[in-house]
């Protein structure tokens, strides 16, 4: 298990911002996270799994190109 604070995740996962993760947490969505007091942590493996299971469908995918 490799726990990482949200502010360091954009370095490893381009396009996944700290703000996006905060919004997803507030909606009860997104990858699993851990809380230690006021600090939030994500397991890198959980982020990778969540990204794999939640692909973004582009307009090209919808039109069969």
PDB file of N, CA and C in Angstrom:
ATOM      1  N   UNK A   1       0.852  -1.171   0.000  1.00  0.00           N
ATOM      2  CA  UNK A   1       0.000   0.000   0.000  1.00  0.00           C
ATOM      3  C   UNK A   1       0.900   1.236   0.000  1.00  0.00           C
ATOM      4  N   UNK A   2       0.650   2.110  -0.946  1.00  0.00           N
ATOM      5  CA  UNK A   2       1.402   3.366  -1.052  1.00  0.00           C
ATOM      6  C   UNK A   2       0.420   4.524  -0.919  1.00  0.00           C
ATOM      7  N   UNK A   3       0.383   5.117   0.267  1.00  0.00           N
ATOM      8  CA  UNK A   3      -0.545   6.217   0.518  1.00  0.00           C
ATOM      9  C   UNK A   3       0.076   7.543   0.112  1.00  0.00           C
ATOM     10  N   UNK A   4      -0.726   8.348  -0.595  1.00  0.00           N
ATOM     11  CA  UNK A   4      -0.255   9.627  -1.129  1.00  0.00           C
ATOM     12  C   UNK A   4      -1.310  10.687  -0.831  1.00  0.00           C
ATOM     13  N   UNK A   5      -0.858  11.873  -0.451  1.00  0.00           N
ATOM     14  CA  UNK A   5      -1.769  12.996  -0.238  1.00  0.00           C
ATOM     15  C   UNK A   5      -2.293  13.476  -1.593  1.00  0.00           C
ATOM     16  N   UNK A   6      -3.531  13.995  -1.655  1.00  0.00           N
ATOM     17  CA  UNK A   6      -4.124  14.428  -2.923  1.00  0.00           C
ATOM     18  C   UNK A   6      -3.299  15.463  -3.677  1.00  0.00           C
ATOM     19  N   UNK A   7      -2.614  16.346  -2.973  1.00  0.00           N
ATOM     20  CA  UNK A   7      -1.864  17.393  -3.671  1.00  0.00           C
ATOM     21  C   UNK A   7      -0.697  16.840  -4.477  1.00  0.00           C
ATOM     22  N   UNK A   8      -0.267  15.609  -4.184  1.00  0.00           N
ATOM     23  CA  UNK A   8       0.843  15.010  -4.921  1.00  0.00           C
ATOM     24  C   UNK A   8       0.384  14.088  -6.053  1.00  0.00           C
ATOM     25  N   UNK A   9      -0.899  13.793  -6.140  1.00  0.00           N
ATOM     26  CA  UNK A   9      -1.388  12.879  -7.175  1.00  0.00           C
ATOM     27  C   UNK A   9      -1.300  13.430  -8.595  1.00  0.00           C
ATOM     28  N   UNK A  10      -1.520  14.737  -8.834  1.00  0.00           N
ATOM     29  CA  UNK A  10      -1.398  15.229 -10.220  1.00  0.00           C
ATOM     30  C   UNK A  10      -0.015  14.997 -10.830  1.00  0.00           C
ATOM     31  N   UNK A  11       1.020  14.857  -9.996  1.00  0.00           N
ATOM     32  CA  UNK A  11       2.361  14.557 -10.507  1.00  0.00           C
ATOM     33  C   UNK A  11       2.394  13.169 -11.141  1.00  0.00           C
ATOM     34  N   UNK A  12       1.594  12.246 -10.620  1.00  0.00           N
ATOM     35  CA  UNK A  12       1.591  10.866 -11.104  1.00  0.00           C
ATOM     36  C   UNK A  12       0.466  10.584 -12.082  1.00  0.00           C
ATOM     37  N   UNK A  13      -0.650  11.282 -11.916  1.00  0.00           N
ATOM     38  CA  UNK A  13      -1.832  11.049 -12.745  1.00  0.00           C
ATOM     39  C   UNK A  13      -2.241  12.370 -13.372  1.00  0.00           C
ATOM     40  N   UNK A  14      -1.758  12.613 -14.548  1.00  0.00           N
ATOM     41  CA  UNK A  14      -2.045  13.877 -15.243  1.00  0.00           C
ATOM     42  C   UNK A  14      -3.549  14.045 -15.446  1.00  0.00           C
ATOM     43  N   UNK A  15      -4.035  15.237 -15.200  1.00  0.00           N
ATOM     44  CA  UNK A  15      -5.445  15.534 -15.389  1.00  0.00           C
ATOM     45  C   UNK A  15      -6.325  15.219 -14.194  1.00  0.00           C
ATOM     46  N   UNK A  16      -5.753  14.663 -13.134  1.00  0.00           N
ATOM     47  CA  UNK A  16      -6.522  14.344 -11.929  1.00  0.00           C
ATOM     48  C   UNK A  16      -6.108  15.332 -10.847  1.00  0.00           C
ATOM     49  N   UNK A  17      -6.870  16.402 -10.714  1.00  0.00           N
ATOM     50  CA  UNK A  17      -6.474  17.481  -9.805  1.00  0.00           C
ATOM     51  C   UNK A  17      -6.955  17.234  -8.376  1.00  0.00           C
ATOM     52  N   UNK A  18      -6.320  17.933  -7.465  1.00  0.00           N
ATOM     53  CA  UNK A  18      -6.709  17.880  -6.057  1.00  0.00           C
ATOM     54  C   UNK A  18      -8.163  18.343  -5.894  1.00  0.00           C
ATOM     55  N   UNK A  19      -8.555  19.370  -6.635  1.00  0.00           N
ATOM     56  CA  UNK A  19      -9.921  19.909  -6.573  1.00  0.00           C
ATOM     57  C   UNK A  19     -10.939  18.886  -7.090  1.00  0.00           C
ATOM     58  N   UNK A  20     -10.603  18.189  -8.164  1.00  0.00           N
ATOM     59  CA  UNK A  20     -11.497  17.152  -8.691  1.00  0.00           C
ATOM     60  C   UNK A  20     -11.733  16.072  -7.646  1.00  0.00           C
ATOM     61  N   UNK A  21     -10.668  15.631  -6.998  1.00  0.00           N
ATOM     62  CA  UNK A  21     -10.801  14.602  -5.968  1.00  0.00           C
ATOM     63  C   UNK A  21     -11.645  15.100  -4.798  1.00  0.00           C
ATOM     64  N   UNK A  22     -11.471  16.361  -4.407  1.00  0.00           N
ATOM     65  CA  UNK A  22     -12.275  16.936  -3.319  1.00  0.00           C
ATOM     66  C   UNK A  22     -13.749  16.968  -3.708  1.00  0.00           C
ATOM     67  N   UNK A  23     -14.034  17.355  -4.941  1.00  0.00           N
ATOM     68  CA  UNK A  23     -15.424  17.378  -5.415  1.00  0.00           C
ATOM     69  C   UNK A  23     -16.028  15.977  -5.417  1.00  0.00           C
ATOM     70  N   UNK A  24     -15.271  15.002  -5.888  1.00  0.00           N
ATOM     71  CA  UNK A  24     -15.763  13.624  -5.913  1.00  0.00           C
ATOM     72  C   UNK A  24     -16.020  13.107  -4.501  1.00  0.00           C
ATOM     73  N   UNK A  25     -15.132  13.428  -3.561  1.00  0.00           N
ATOM     74  CA  UNK A  25     -15.337  13.015  -2.163  1.00  0.00           C
ATOM     75  C   UNK A  25     -16.631  13.601  -1.615  1.00  0.00           C
ATOM     76  N   UNK A  26     -16.882  14.876  -1.904  1.00  0.00           N
ATOM     77  CA  UNK A  26     -18.088  15.529  -1.372  1.00  0.00           C
ATOM     78  C   UNK A  26     -19.363  14.923  -1.954  1.00  0.00           C
ATOM     79  N   UNK A  27     -19.265  14.348  -3.139  1.00  0.00           N
ATOM     80  CA  UNK A  27     -20.410  13.700  -3.785  1.00  0.00           C
ATOM     81  C   UNK A  27     -20.527  12.216  -3.431  1.00  0.00           C
ATOM     82  N   UNK A  28     -19.564  11.711  -2.657  1.00  0.00           N
ATOM     83  CA  UNK A  28     -19.562  10.293  -2.323  1.00  0.00           C
ATOM     84  C   UNK A  28     -19.150   9.423  -3.487  1.00  0.00           C
ATOM     85  N   UNK A  29     -18.388   9.995  -4.417  1.00  0.00           N
ATOM     86  CA  UNK A  29     -17.924   9.278  -5.601  1.00  0.00           C
ATOM     87  C   UNK A  29     -16.400   9.256  -5.597  1.00  0.00           C
ATOM     88  N   UNK A  30     -15.838   8.705  -6.652  1.00  0.00           N
ATOM     89  CA  UNK A  30     -14.393   8.713  -6.801  1.00  0.00           C
ATOM     90  C   UNK A  30     -13.736   7.531  -6.125  1.00  0.00           C
ATOM     91  N   UNK A  31     -12.416   7.533  -6.131  1.00  0.00           N
ATOM     92  CA  UNK A  31     -11.672   6.413  -5.555  1.00  0.00           C
ATOM     93  C   UNK A  31     -11.760   6.401  -4.030  1.00  0.00           C
ATOM     94  N   UNK A  32     -11.525   5.231  -3.473  1.00  0.00           N
ATOM     95  CA  UNK A  32     -11.496   5.077  -2.017  1.00  0.00           C
ATOM     96  C   UNK A  32     -10.385   5.947  -1.443  1.00  0.00           C
ATOM     97  N   UNK A  33     -10.636   6.526  -0.280  1.00  0.00           N
ATOM     98  CA  UNK A  33      -9.629   7.358   0.377  1.00  0.00           C
ATOM     99  C   UNK A  33      -9.597   7.045   1.862  1.00  0.00           C
ATOM    100  N   UNK A  34      -8.557   7.503   2.500  1.00  0.00           N
ATOM    101  CA  UNK A  34      -8.350   7.281   3.925  1.00  0.00           C
ATOM    102  C   UNK A  34      -8.196   8.629   4.608  1.00  0.00           C
ATOM    103  N   UNK A  35      -8.735   8.721   5.812  1.00  0.00           N
ATOM    104  CA  UNK A  35      -8.643   9.967   6.572  1.00  0.00           C
ATOM    105  C   UNK A  35      -7.901   9.676   7.881  1.00  0.00           C
ATOM    106  N   UNK A  36      -6.909  10.501   8.148  1.00  0.00           N
ATOM    107  CA  UNK A  36      -6.180  10.463   9.417  1.00  0.00           C
ATOM    108  C   UNK A  36      -6.290  11.852  10.013  1.00  0.00           C
ATOM    109  N   UNK A  37      -7.222  12.014  10.934  1.00  0.00           N
ATOM    110  CA  UNK A  37      -7.491  13.350  11.454  1.00  0.00           C
ATOM    111  C   UNK A  37      -8.096  14.199  10.346  1.00  0.00           C
ATOM    112  N   UNK A  38      -7.433  15.307  10.038  1.00  0.00           N
ATOM    113  CA  UNK A  38      -7.911  16.190   8.962  1.00  0.00           C
ATOM    114  C   UNK A  38      -7.251  15.883   7.626  1.00  0.00           C
ATOM    115  N   UNK A  39      -6.306  14.960   7.609  1.00  0.00           N
ATOM    116  CA  UNK A  39      -5.555  14.660   6.387  1.00  0.00           C
ATOM    117  C   UNK A  39      -6.235  13.556   5.581  1.00  0.00           C
ATOM    118  N   UNK A  40      -6.191  13.709   4.265  1.00  0.00           N
ATOM    119  CA  UNK A  40      -6.751  12.731   3.326  1.00  0.00           C
ATOM    120  C   UNK A  40      -5.595  12.058   2.597  1.00  0.00           C
ATOM    121  N   UNK A  41      -5.716  10.746   2.404  1.00  0.00           N
ATOM    122  CA  UNK A  41      -4.721   9.970   1.672  1.00  0.00           C
ATOM    123  C   UNK A  41      -5.433   9.056   0.687  1.00  0.00           C
ATOM    124  N   UNK A  42      -4.755   8.777  -0.420  1.00  0.00           N
ATOM    125  CA  UNK A  42      -5.231   7.809  -1.402  1.00  0.00           C
ATOM    126  C   UNK A  42      -4.153   6.757  -1.598  1.00  0.00           C
ATOM    127  N   UNK A  43      -4.579   5.515  -1.768  1.00  0.00           N
ATOM    128  CA  UNK A  43      -3.661   4.449  -2.141  1.00  0.00           C
ATOM    129  C   UNK A  43      -3.498   4.512  -3.662  1.00  0.00           C
ATOM    130  N   UNK A  44      -2.276   4.524  -4.128  1.00  0.00           N
ATOM    131  CA  UNK A  44      -2.001   4.627  -5.565  1.00  0.00           C
ATOM    132  C   UNK A  44      -2.700   3.499  -6.327  1.00  0.00           C
ATOM    133  N   UNK A  45      -2.718   2.303  -5.767  1.00  0.00           N
ATOM    134  CA  UNK A  45      -3.385   1.173  -6.434  1.00  0.00           C
ATOM    135  C   UNK A  45      -4.887   1.425  -6.573  1.00  0.00           C
ATOM    136  N   UNK A  46      -5.504   2.058  -5.571  1.00  0.00           N
ATOM    137  CA  UNK A  46      -6.935   2.379  -5.653  1.00  0.00           C
ATOM    138  C   UNK A  46      -7.208   3.406  -6.746  1.00  0.00           C
ATOM    139  N   UNK A  47      -6.321   4.378  -6.897  1.00  0.00           N
ATOM    140  CA  UNK A  47      -6.476   5.385  -7.954  1.00  0.00           C
ATOM    141  C   UNK A  47      -6.397   4.706  -9.322  1.00  0.00           C
ATOM    142  N   UNK A  48      -5.390   3.843  -9.499  1.00  0.00           N
ATOM    143  CA  UNK A  48      -5.221   3.154 -10.777  1.00  0.00           C
ATOM    144  C   UNK A  48      -6.437   2.290 -11.095  1.00  0.00           C
ATOM    145  N   UNK A  49      -6.946   1.576 -10.098  1.00  0.00           N
ATOM    146  CA  UNK A  49      -8.125   0.726 -10.304  1.00  0.00           C
ATOM    147  C   UNK A  49      -9.346   1.574 -10.659  1.00  0.00           C
ATOM    148  N   UNK A  50      -9.544   2.678  -9.954  1.00  0.00           N
ATOM    149  CA  UNK A  50     -10.688   3.552 -10.216  1.00  0.00           C
ATOM    150  C   UNK A  50     -10.621   4.131 -11.628  1.00  0.00           C
ATOM    151  N   UNK A  51      -9.437   4.559 -12.055  1.00  0.00           N
ATOM    152  CA  UNK A  51      -9.284   5.105 -13.404  1.00  0.00           C
ATOM    153  C   UNK A  51      -9.587   4.048 -14.464  1.00  0.00           C
ATOM    154  N   UNK A  52      -9.163   2.817 -14.220  1.00  0.00           N
ATOM    155  CA  UNK A  52      -9.404   1.725 -15.164  1.00  0.00           C
ATOM    156  C   UNK A  52     -10.891   1.384 -15.257  1.00  0.00           C
ATOM    157  N   UNK A  53     -11.579   1.410 -14.131  1.00  0.00           N
ATOM    158  CA  UNK A  53     -12.997   1.040 -14.102  1.00  0.00           C
ATOM    159  C   UNK A  53     -13.925   2.177 -14.521  1.00  0.00           C
ATOM    160  N   UNK A  54     -13.404   3.389 -14.647  1.00  0.00           N
ATOM    161  CA  UNK A  54     -14.235   4.544 -14.978  1.00  0.00           C
ATOM    162  C   UNK A  54     -13.674   5.310 -16.171  1.00  0.00           C
ATOM    163  N   UNK A  55     -13.626   4.663 -17.333  1.00  0.00           N
ATOM    164  CA  UNK A  55     -13.110   5.380 -18.505  1.00  0.00           C
ATOM    165  C   UNK A  55     -14.083   6.472 -18.944  1.00  0.00           C
ATOM    166  N   UNK A  56     -13.552   7.471 -19.565  1.00  0.00           N
ATOM    167  CA  UNK A  56     -14.374   8.559 -20.095  1.00  0.00           C
ATOM    168  C   UNK A  56     -14.752   8.209 -21.519  1.00  0.00           C
ATOM    169  N   UNK A  57     -16.039   8.268 -21.806  1.00  0.00           N
ATOM    170  CA  UNK A  57     -16.503   7.995 -23.162  1.00  0.00           C
ATOM    171  C   UNK A  57     -16.479   9.299 -23.947  1.00  0.00           C
ATOM    172  N   UNK A  58     -15.725   9.306 -25.024  1.00  0.00           N
ATOM    173  CA  UNK A  58     -15.627  10.508 -25.848  1.00  0.00           C
ATOM    174  C   UNK A  58     -16.725  10.509 -26.899  1.00  0.00           C
ATOM    175  N   UNK A  59     -16.906  11.635 -27.546  1.00  0.00           N
ATOM    176  CA  UNK A  59     -17.931  11.711 -28.594  1.00  0.00           C
ATOM    177  C   UNK A  59     -17.596  10.770 -29.749  1.00  0.00           C
ATOM    178  N   UNK A  60     -16.313  10.541 -30.009  1.00  0.00           N
ATOM    179  CA  UNK A  60     -15.928   9.588 -31.056  1.00  0.00           C
ATOM    180  C   UNK A  60     -16.402   8.181 -30.710  1.00  0.00           C
ATOM    181  N   UNK A  61     -16.354   7.820 -29.420  1.00  0.00           N
ATOM    182  CA  UNK A  61     -16.834   6.507 -28.997  1.00  0.00           C
ATOM    183  C   UNK A  61     -18.329   6.367 -29.261  1.00  0.00           C
ATOM    184  N   UNK A  62     -19.066   7.428 -29.045  1.00  0.00           N
ATOM    185  CA  UNK A  62     -20.527   7.405 -29.227  1.00  0.00           C
ATOM    186  C   UNK A  62     -20.908   7.255 -30.695  1.00  0.00           C
ATOM    187  N   UNK A  63     -20.097   7.803 -31.576  1.00  0.00           N
ATOM    188  CA  UNK A  63     -20.417   7.795 -32.997  1.00  0.00           C
ATOM    189  C   UNK A  63     -19.774   6.634 -33.744  1.00  0.00           C
ATOM    190  N   UNK A  64     -18.997   5.811 -33.048  1.00  0.00           N
ATOM    191  CA  UNK A  64     -18.408   4.643 -33.668  1.00  0.00           C
ATOM    192  C   UNK A  64     -17.239   4.925 -34.583  1.00  0.00           C
ATOM    193  N   UNK A  65     -16.538   6.026 -34.372  1.00  0.00           N
ATOM    194  CA  UNK A  65     -15.373   6.349 -35.212  1.00  0.00           C
ATOM    195  C   UNK A  65     -14.154   5.610 -34.758  1.00  0.00           C
TER     196      UNK A  65
END
